[in-house]
PDB file of N, CA and C in Angstrom:
ATOM      1  N   ALA A   1      55.677  12.257 -10.773  1.00  0.00           N
ATOM      2  CA  ALA A   1      55.548  13.678 -10.216  1.00  0.00           C
ATOM      3  C   ALA A   1      55.576  13.835  -8.662  1.00  0.00           C
ATOM      4  N   PRO A   2      56.167  14.707  -8.156  1.00  0.00           N
ATOM      5  CA  PRO A   2      56.112  14.882  -6.727  1.00  0.00           C
ATOM      6  C   PRO A   2      54.799  15.087  -6.203  1.00  0.00           C
ATOM      7  N   VAL A   3      54.460  14.707  -5.003  1.00  0.00           N
ATOM      8  CA  VAL A   3      53.059  14.933  -4.460  1.00  0.00           C
ATOM      9  C   VAL A   3      52.696  16.324  -4.368  1.00  0.00           C
ATOM     10  N   TRP A   4      53.439  17.263  -4.194  1.00  0.00           N
ATOM     11  CA  TRP A   4      53.087  18.626  -4.027  1.00  0.00           C
ATOM     12  C   TRP A   4      52.829  19.322  -5.397  1.00  0.00           C
ATOM     13  N   ALA A   5      53.112  18.501  -6.555  1.00  0.00           N
ATOM     14  CA  ALA A   5      52.901  19.019  -7.872  1.00  0.00           C
ATOM     15  C   ALA A   5      51.570  18.494  -8.400  1.00  0.00           C
ATOM     16  N   ARG A   6      50.714  17.757  -7.762  1.00  0.00           N
ATOM     17  CA  ARG A   6      49.479  17.310  -8.211  1.00  0.00           C
ATOM     18  C   ARG A   6      48.412  18.292  -7.842  1.00  0.00           C
ATOM     19  N   PRO A   7      47.853  19.031  -8.782  1.00  0.00           N
ATOM     20  CA  PRO A   7      46.861  20.056  -8.427  1.00  0.00           C
ATOM     21  C   PRO A   7      45.576  19.551  -7.702  1.00  0.00           C
ATOM     22  N   LEU A   8      45.144  18.410  -8.018  1.00  0.00           N
ATOM     23  CA  LEU A   8      43.834  17.917  -7.361  1.00  0.00           C
ATOM     24  C   LEU A   8      44.147  17.574  -5.944  1.00  0.00           C
ATOM     25  N   LEU A   9      45.313  17.050  -5.668  1.00  0.00           N
ATOM     26  CA  LEU A   9      45.577  16.733  -4.221  1.00  0.00           C
ATOM     27  C   LEU A   9      45.775  18.106  -3.421  1.00  0.00           C
ATOM     28  N   LEU A  10      46.414  19.009  -4.100  1.00  0.00           N
ATOM     29  CA  LEU A  10      46.612  20.372  -3.345  1.00  0.00           C
ATOM     30  C   LEU A  10      45.240  21.026  -3.184  1.00  0.00           C
ATOM     31  N   LYS A  11      44.279  20.861  -4.035  1.00  0.00           N
ATOM     32  CA  LYS A  11      42.987  21.413  -3.931  1.00  0.00           C
ATOM     33  C   LYS A  11      42.173  20.861  -2.825  1.00  0.00           C
ATOM     34  N   VAL A  12      42.321  19.378  -2.740  1.00  0.00           N
ATOM     35  CA  VAL A  12      41.611  18.670  -1.764  1.00  0.00           C
ATOM     36  C   VAL A  12      42.231  19.032  -0.319  1.00  0.00           C
ATOM     37  N   LEU A  13      43.531  19.224  -0.218  1.00  0.00           N
ATOM     38  CA  LEU A  13      44.136  19.492   1.022  1.00  0.00           C
ATOM     39  C   LEU A  13      43.730  21.022   1.429  1.00  0.00           C
ATOM     40  N   LEU A  14      43.762  21.858   0.458  1.00  0.00           N
ATOM     41  CA  LEU A  14      43.354  23.249   0.838  1.00  0.00           C
ATOM     42  C   LEU A  14      41.879  23.333   1.237  1.00  0.00           C
ATOM     43  N   TRP A  15      40.964  22.590   0.673  1.00  0.00           N
ATOM     44  CA  TRP A  15      39.574  22.491   1.006  1.00  0.00           C
ATOM     45  C   TRP A  15      39.499  21.904   2.388  1.00  0.00           C
ATOM     46  N   ALA A  16      40.205  20.857   2.785  1.00  0.00           N
ATOM     47  CA  ALA A  16      40.157  20.219   4.108  1.00  0.00           C
ATOM     48  C   ALA A  16      40.689  21.155   5.196  1.00  0.00           C
ATOM     49  N   VAL A  17      41.789  21.908   4.847  1.00  0.00           N
ATOM     50  CA  VAL A  17      42.239  22.965   5.784  1.00  0.00           C
ATOM     51  C   VAL A  17      41.304  24.048   6.108  1.00  0.00           C
ATOM     52  N   LEU A  18      40.646  24.633   5.019  1.00  0.00           N
ATOM     53  CA  LEU A  18      39.559  25.573   5.127  1.00  0.00           C
ATOM     54  C   LEU A  18      38.342  24.993   5.860  1.00  0.00           C
ATOM     55  N   LEU A  19      38.100  23.749   5.649  1.00  0.00           N
ATOM     56  CA  LEU A  19      36.822  23.143   6.311  1.00  0.00           C
ATOM     57  C   LEU A  19      37.159  23.113   7.866  1.00  0.00           C
ATOM     58  N   ALA A  20      38.363  22.732   8.192  1.00  0.00           N
ATOM     59  CA  ALA A  20      38.836  22.750   9.651  1.00  0.00           C
ATOM     60  C   ALA A  20      38.803  24.174  10.138  1.00  0.00           C
ATOM     61  N   LEU A  21      39.267  25.109   9.479  1.00  0.00           N
ATOM     62  CA  LEU A  21      39.175  26.506  10.024  1.00  0.00           C
ATOM     63  C   LEU A  21      37.747  27.026  10.162  1.00  0.00           C
ATOM     64  N   PHE A  22      36.873  26.785   9.185  1.00  0.00           N
ATOM     65  CA  PHE A  22      35.557  27.164   9.390  1.00  0.00           C
ATOM     66  C   PHE A  22      34.754  26.469  10.319  1.00  0.00           C
ATOM     67  N   ALA A  23      35.158  25.122  10.635  1.00  0.00           N
ATOM     68  CA  ALA A  23      34.518  24.377  11.694  1.00  0.00           C
ATOM     69  C   ALA A  23      34.919  24.849  12.966  1.00  0.00           C
ATOM     70  N   GLU A  24      36.219  25.415  13.142  1.00  0.00           N
ATOM     71  CA  GLU A  24      36.578  26.018  14.340  1.00  0.00           C
ATOM     72  C   GLU A  24      35.887  27.286  14.591  1.00  0.00           C
ATOM     73  N   LEU A  25      35.492  28.160  13.525  1.00  0.00           N
ATOM     74  CA  LEU A  25      34.693  29.323  13.638  1.00  0.00           C
ATOM     75  C   LEU A  25      33.228  28.896  13.748  1.00  0.00           C
ATOM     76  N   GLU A  26      32.908  27.674  13.841  1.00  0.00           N
ATOM     77  CA  GLU A  26      31.416  27.188  13.969  1.00  0.00           C
ATOM     78  C   GLU A  26      30.676  27.510  12.546  1.00  0.00           C
ATOM     79  N   LEU A  27      31.443  27.563  11.470  1.00  0.00           N
ATOM     80  CA  LEU A  27      30.788  27.796  10.212  1.00  0.00           C
ATOM     81  C   LEU A  27      31.027  26.638   9.192  1.00  0.00           C
ATOM     82  N   GLY A  28      31.301  25.453   9.895  1.00  0.00           N
ATOM     83  CA  GLY A  28      31.712  24.279   9.099  1.00  0.00           C
ATOM     84  C   GLY A  28      30.524  23.765   8.175  1.00  0.00           C
ATOM     85  N   LEU A  29      29.366  23.737   8.562  1.00  0.00           N
ATOM     86  CA  LEU A  29      28.248  23.310   7.790  1.00  0.00           C
ATOM     87  C   LEU A  29      27.947  24.233   6.626  1.00  0.00           C
ATOM     88  N   PRO A  30      27.876  25.526   6.850  1.00  0.00           N
ATOM     89  CA  PRO A  30      27.558  26.424   5.650  1.00  0.00           C
ATOM     90  C   PRO A  30      28.740  26.255   4.638  1.00  0.00           C
ATOM     91  N   TYR A  31      30.006  26.142   5.153  1.00  0.00           N
ATOM     92  CA  TYR A  31      31.100  25.978   4.159  1.00  0.00           C
ATOM     93  C   TYR A  31      30.929  24.709   3.427  1.00  0.00           C
ATOM     94  N   PHE A  32      30.556  23.627   4.015  1.00  0.00           N
ATOM     95  CA  PHE A  32      30.458  22.319   3.371  1.00  0.00           C
ATOM     96  C   PHE A  32      29.307  22.401   2.384  1.00  0.00           C
ATOM     97  N   VAL A  33      28.162  23.059   2.646  1.00  0.00           N
ATOM     98  CA  VAL A  33      27.057  23.092   1.807  1.00  0.00           C
ATOM     99  C   VAL A  33      27.346  23.938   0.616  1.00  0.00           C
ATOM    100  N   LEU A  34      27.962  25.053   0.837  1.00  0.00           N
ATOM    101  CA  LEU A  34      28.375  25.923  -0.154  1.00  0.00           C
ATOM    102  C   LEU A  34      29.481  25.235  -1.165  1.00  0.00           C
ATOM    103  N   SER A  35      30.262  24.463  -0.580  1.00  0.00           N
ATOM    104  CA  SER A  35      31.197  23.669  -1.377  1.00  0.00           C
ATOM    105  C   SER A  35      30.374  22.696  -2.208  1.00  0.00           C
ATOM    106  N   LEU A  36      29.472  22.041  -1.729  1.00  0.00           N
ATOM    107  CA  LEU A  36      28.724  21.035  -2.590  1.00  0.00           C
ATOM    108  C   LEU A  36      28.033  21.764  -3.713  1.00  0.00           C
ATOM    109  N   LEU A  37      27.436  22.917  -3.327  1.00  0.00           N
ATOM    110  CA  LEU A  37      26.723  23.688  -4.406  1.00  0.00           C
ATOM    111  C   LEU A  37      27.744  23.977  -5.469  1.00  0.00           C
ATOM    112  N   TYR A  38      28.943  24.496  -5.092  1.00  0.00           N
ATOM    113  CA  TYR A  38      29.935  24.851  -6.056  1.00  0.00           C
ATOM    114  C   TYR A  38      30.380  23.674  -6.975  1.00  0.00           C
ATOM    115  N   TRP A  39      30.580  22.568  -6.367  1.00  0.00           N
ATOM    116  CA  TRP A  39      30.993  21.335  -7.062  1.00  0.00           C
ATOM    117  C   TRP A  39      29.963  20.940  -8.083  1.00  0.00           C
ATOM    118  N   MET A  40      28.606  21.042  -7.680  1.00  0.00           N
ATOM    119  CA  MET A  40      27.607  20.686  -8.565  1.00  0.00           C
ATOM    120  C   MET A  40      27.561  21.674  -9.828  1.00  0.00           C
ATOM    121  N   TYR A  41      27.724  22.936  -9.562  1.00  0.00           N
ATOM    122  CA  TYR A  41      27.920  23.917 -10.618  1.00  0.00           C
ATOM    123  C   TYR A  41      29.083  23.666 -11.510  1.00  0.00           C
ATOM    124  N   ALA A  42      30.321  23.496 -10.889  1.00  0.00           N
ATOM    125  CA  ALA A  42      31.366  23.311 -11.602  1.00  0.00           C
ATOM    126  C   ALA A  42      31.391  21.942 -12.357  1.00  0.00           C
ATOM    127  N   GLY A  43      30.688  20.935 -12.030  1.00  0.00           N
ATOM    128  CA  GLY A  43      30.739  19.776 -12.619  1.00  0.00           C
ATOM    129  C   GLY A  43      29.760  19.592 -13.671  1.00  0.00           C
ATOM    130  N   THR A  44      28.860  20.549 -13.991  1.00  0.00           N
ATOM    131  CA  THR A  44      28.036  20.529 -15.121  1.00  0.00           C
ATOM    132  C   THR A  44      28.617  21.258 -16.333  1.00  0.00           C
ATOM    133  N   ARG A  45      28.235  20.815 -17.535  1.00  0.00           N
ATOM    134  CA  ARG A  45      28.659  21.409 -18.626  1.00  0.00           C
ATOM    135  C   ARG A  45      27.589  22.176 -19.330  1.00  0.00           C
ATOM    136  N   GLY A  46      27.971  23.221 -19.910  1.00  0.00           N
ATOM    137  CA  GLY A  46      27.032  24.131 -20.678  1.00  0.00           C
ATOM    138  C   GLY A  46      26.842  23.558 -22.088  1.00  0.00           C
ATOM    139  N   PRO A  47      25.791  24.029 -22.844  1.00  0.00           N
ATOM    140  CA  PRO A  47      25.466  23.544 -24.140  1.00  0.00           C
ATOM    141  C   PRO A  47      26.694  23.830 -25.141  1.00  0.00           C
ATOM    142  N   ALA A  48      27.382  24.886 -24.809  1.00  0.00           N
ATOM    143  CA  ALA A  48      28.499  25.187 -25.768  1.00  0.00           C
ATOM    144  C   ALA A  48      29.658  24.087 -25.559  1.00  0.00           C
ATOM    145  N   GLU A  49      29.719  23.442 -24.524  1.00  0.00           N
ATOM    146  CA  GLU A  49      30.791  22.458 -24.257  1.00  0.00           C
ATOM    147  C   GLU A  49      30.416  21.148 -24.956  1.00  0.00           C
ATOM    148  N   ARG A  50      29.217  20.910 -25.367  1.00  0.00           N
ATOM    149  CA  ARG A  50      28.812  19.659 -25.901  1.00  0.00           C
ATOM    150  C   ARG A  50      29.420  19.466 -27.360  1.00  0.00           C
ATOM    151  N   GLN A  51      29.906  18.284 -27.571  1.00  0.00           N
ATOM    152  CA  GLN A  51      30.544  17.945 -28.923  1.00  0.00           C
ATOM    153  C   GLN A  51      29.570  17.907 -30.017  1.00  0.00           C
ATOM    154  N   ARG A  52      29.877  18.134 -31.244  1.00  0.00           N
ATOM    155  CA  ARG A  52      28.945  18.146 -32.318  1.00  0.00           C
ATOM    156  C   ARG A  52      28.267  16.716 -32.528  1.00  0.00           C
ATOM    157  N   GLY A  53      26.988  16.614 -32.505  1.00  0.00           N
ATOM    158  CA  GLY A  53      26.280  15.456 -32.680  1.00  0.00           C
ATOM    159  C   GLY A  53      25.881  14.749 -31.375  1.00  0.00           C
ATOM    160  N   GLU A  54      26.510  15.181 -30.098  1.00  0.00           N
ATOM    161  CA  GLU A  54      26.270  14.613 -28.937  1.00  0.00           C
ATOM    162  C   GLU A  54      24.904  15.010 -28.411  1.00  0.00           C
ATOM    163  N   LEU A  55      24.099  14.002 -28.018  1.00  0.00           N
ATOM    164  CA  LEU A  55      22.807  14.300 -27.565  1.00  0.00           C
ATOM    165  C   LEU A  55      22.747  14.544 -25.995  1.00  0.00           C
ATOM    166  N   SER A  56      21.709  15.373 -25.640  1.00  0.00           N
ATOM    167  CA  SER A  56      21.517  15.669 -24.168  1.00  0.00           C
ATOM    168  C   SER A  56      20.733  14.469 -23.668  1.00  0.00           C
ATOM    169  N   ALA A  57      20.930  14.408 -22.296  1.00  0.00           N
ATOM    170  CA  ALA A  57      20.215  13.389 -21.611  1.00  0.00           C
ATOM    171  C   ALA A  57      18.679  13.737 -21.434  1.00  0.00           C
ATOM    172  N   TYR A  58      18.444  14.998 -21.622  1.00  0.00           N
ATOM    173  CA  TYR A  58      16.986  15.522 -21.568  1.00  0.00           C
ATOM    174  C   TYR A  58      16.606  15.762 -22.915  1.00  0.00           C
ATOM    175  N   SER A  59      15.620  15.041 -23.510  1.00  0.00           N
ATOM    176  CA  SER A  59      15.150  15.015 -24.727  1.00  0.00           C
ATOM    177  C   SER A  59      14.681  16.355 -25.280  1.00  0.00           C
ATOM    178  N   VAL A  60      14.208  17.258 -24.279  1.00  0.00           N
ATOM    179  CA  VAL A  60      13.709  18.539 -24.843  1.00  0.00           C
ATOM    180  C   VAL A  60      14.843  19.451 -25.475  1.00  0.00           C
ATOM    181  N   PHE A  61      15.964  19.008 -25.066  1.00  0.00           N
ATOM    182  CA  PHE A  61      17.154  19.830 -25.613  1.00  0.00           C
ATOM    183  C   PHE A  61      17.728  19.267 -26.930  1.00  0.00           C
ATOM    184  N   ASN A  62      17.179  18.144 -27.337  1.00  0.00           N
ATOM    185  CA  ASN A  62      17.746  17.493 -28.530  1.00  0.00           C
ATOM    186  C   ASN A  62      16.939  18.030 -29.737  1.00  0.00           C
ATOM    187  N   PRO A  63      17.526  17.947 -30.898  1.00  0.00           N
ATOM    188  CA  PRO A  63      16.735  18.297 -32.153  1.00  0.00           C
ATOM    189  C   PRO A  63      15.572  17.379 -32.306  1.00  0.00           C
ATOM    190  N   GLY A  64      14.428  18.010 -32.510  1.00  0.00           N
ATOM    191  CA  GLY A  64      13.139  17.273 -32.605  1.00  0.00           C
ATOM    192  C   GLY A  64      12.720  16.568 -31.470  1.00  0.00           C
ATOM    193  N   CYS A  65      13.254  16.996 -30.219  1.00  0.00           N
ATOM    194  CA  CYS A  65      13.002  16.371 -28.865  1.00  0.00           C
ATOM    195  C   CYS A  65      13.121  14.803 -28.904  1.00  0.00           C
ATOM    196  N   GLY A  66      14.145  14.335 -29.580  1.00  0.00           N
ATOM    197  CA  GLY A  66      14.424  12.943 -29.723  1.00  0.00           C
ATOM    198  C   GLY A  66      15.197  12.462 -28.538  1.00  0.00           C
ATOM    199  N   PRO A  67      14.832  11.256 -28.031  1.00  0.00           N
ATOM    200  CA  PRO A  67      15.372  10.626 -26.909  1.00  0.00           C
ATOM    201  C   PRO A  67      16.765  10.082 -27.278  1.00  0.00           C
ATOM    202  N   ILE A  68      17.527   9.820 -26.193  1.00  0.00           N
ATOM    203  CA  ILE A  68      18.901   9.131 -26.449  1.00  0.00           C
ATOM    204  C   ILE A  68      18.581   7.649 -26.524  1.00  0.00           C
ATOM    205  N   PRO A  69      19.416   6.915 -27.247  1.00  0.00           N
ATOM    206  CA  PRO A  69      19.294   5.598 -27.344  1.00  0.00           C
ATOM    207  C   PRO A  69      19.227   4.823 -26.013  1.00  0.00           C
ATOM    208  N   GLY A  70      18.342   3.884 -25.964  1.00  0.00           N
ATOM    209  CA  GLY A  70      18.168   3.180 -24.647  1.00  0.00           C
ATOM    210  C   GLY A  70      17.136   3.772 -23.650  1.00  0.00           C
ATOM    211  N   THR A  71      16.555   4.897 -24.170  1.00  0.00           N
ATOM    212  CA  THR A  71      15.570   5.429 -23.250  1.00  0.00           C
ATOM    213  C   THR A  71      14.155   4.649 -23.154  1.00  0.00           C
ATOM    214  N   LEU A  72      13.795   4.383 -22.022  1.00  0.00           N
ATOM    215  CA  LEU A  72      12.521   3.682 -21.734  1.00  0.00           C
ATOM    216  C   LEU A  72      11.355   4.656 -21.863  1.00  0.00           C
ATOM    217  N   THR A  73      10.515   4.455 -22.893  1.00  0.00           N
ATOM    218  CA  THR A  73       9.396   5.366 -23.176  1.00  0.00           C
ATOM    219  C   THR A  73       8.116   4.768 -22.440  1.00  0.00           C
ATOM    220  N   ALA A  74       7.245   5.730 -22.320  1.00  0.00           N
ATOM    221  CA  ALA A  74       5.947   5.347 -21.706  1.00  0.00           C
ATOM    222  C   ALA A  74       5.155   4.178 -22.575  1.00  0.00           C
ATOM    223  N   GLU A  75       5.311   4.383 -23.893  1.00  0.00           N
ATOM    224  CA  GLU A  75       4.713   3.418 -24.786  1.00  0.00           C
ATOM    225  C   GLU A  75       5.299   2.043 -24.646  1.00  0.00           C
ATOM    226  N   GLN A  76       6.704   2.055 -24.709  1.00  0.00           N
ATOM    227  CA  GLN A  76       7.393   0.824 -24.491  1.00  0.00           C
ATOM    228  C   GLN A  76       7.066   0.017 -23.127  1.00  0.00           C
ATOM    229  N   LEU A  77       7.029   0.832 -22.095  1.00  0.00           N
ATOM    230  CA  LEU A  77       6.705   0.206 -20.793  1.00  0.00           C
ATOM    231  C   LEU A  77       5.259  -0.423 -20.754  1.00  0.00           C
ATOM    232  N   GLU A  78       4.381   0.461 -21.273  1.00  0.00           N
ATOM    233  CA  GLU A  78       2.904  -0.035 -21.485  1.00  0.00           C
ATOM    234  C   GLU A  78       2.885  -1.289 -22.295  1.00  0.00           C
ATOM    235  N   ARG A  79       3.571  -1.341 -23.456  1.00  0.00           N
ATOM    236  CA  ARG A  79       3.515  -2.512 -24.322  1.00  0.00           C
ATOM    237  C   ARG A  79       4.132  -3.796 -23.503  1.00  0.00           C
ATOM    238  N   GLU A  80       5.095  -3.526 -22.875  1.00  0.00           N
ATOM    239  CA  GLU A  80       5.785  -4.674 -21.968  1.00  0.00           C
ATOM    240  C   GLU A  80       4.929  -5.026 -20.872  1.00  0.00           C
ATOM    241  N   LEU A  81       4.154  -4.176 -20.283  1.00  0.00           N
ATOM    242  CA  LEU A  81       3.500  -4.619 -19.067  1.00  0.00           C
ATOM    243  C   LEU A  81       2.191  -5.152 -19.483  1.00  0.00           C
ATOM    244  N   LEU A  82       1.552  -4.643 -20.493  1.00  0.00           N
ATOM    245  CA  LEU A  82       0.146  -5.141 -20.762  1.00  0.00           C
ATOM    246  C   LEU A  82       0.160  -6.369 -21.655  1.00  0.00           C
ATOM    247  N   TYR A  83       1.088  -6.623 -22.495  1.00  0.00           N
ATOM    248  CA  TYR A  83       1.145  -7.611 -23.497  1.00  0.00           C
ATOM    249  C   TYR A  83       2.005  -8.796 -23.102  1.00  0.00           C
ATOM    250  N   ARG A  84       2.673  -8.724 -22.101  1.00  0.00           N
ATOM    251  CA  ARG A  84       3.565  -9.745 -21.625  1.00  0.00           C
ATOM    252  C   ARG A  84       2.785 -10.936 -20.755  1.00  0.00           C
ATOM    253  N   PRO A  85       3.007 -12.119 -21.225  1.00  0.00           N
ATOM    254  CA  PRO A  85       2.234 -13.186 -20.395  1.00  0.00           C
ATOM    255  C   PRO A  85       2.875 -13.214 -18.993  1.00  0.00           C
ATOM    256  N   ALA A  86       2.004 -13.780 -18.223  1.00  0.00           N
ATOM    257  CA  ALA A  86       2.263 -13.810 -16.736  1.00  0.00           C
ATOM    258  C   ALA A  86       3.358 -14.779 -16.548  1.00  0.00           C
ATOM    259  N   ALA A  87       4.230 -14.471 -15.566  1.00  0.00           N
ATOM    260  CA  ALA A  87       5.317 -15.422 -15.216  1.00  0.00           C
ATOM    261  C   ALA A  87       4.744 -16.751 -14.668  1.00  0.00           C
ATOM    262  N   GLY A  88       5.282 -17.929 -15.180  1.00  0.00           N
ATOM    263  CA  GLY A  88       4.949 -19.128 -14.799  1.00  0.00           C
ATOM    264  C   GLY A  88       3.886 -19.871 -15.825  1.00  0.00           C
ATOM    265  N   GLY A  89       3.212 -18.959 -16.573  1.00  0.00           N
ATOM    266  CA  GLY A  89       2.335 -19.597 -17.479  1.00  0.00           C
ATOM    267  C   GLY A  89       1.049 -20.316 -17.061  1.00  0.00           C
ATOM    268  N   ARG A  90       0.627 -20.168 -15.803  1.00  0.00           N
ATOM    269  CA  ARG A  90      -0.473 -20.775 -15.334  1.00  0.00           C
ATOM    270  C   ARG A  90      -1.610 -19.935 -15.052  1.00  0.00           C
TER     271      ARG A  90
END
């Protein structure tokens, strides 16, 4: 596909041109910060967009507050720290 037909490239170029324009108006930093806030908002998914059976990274949003597989719990950390023999064995 031609370069001008790629939407992401066009969006990045438009953002860069607008950044240059706002920088010329001495409003570059607010434009950049607002852009970052928008990208954080646009990059997150709402609960409605989650697929069936997909768990949230935050256990309070999962059924029964269950953690995702591989989560290090306080109990597991305590078990590993308190009952593990010292390194070197001396």
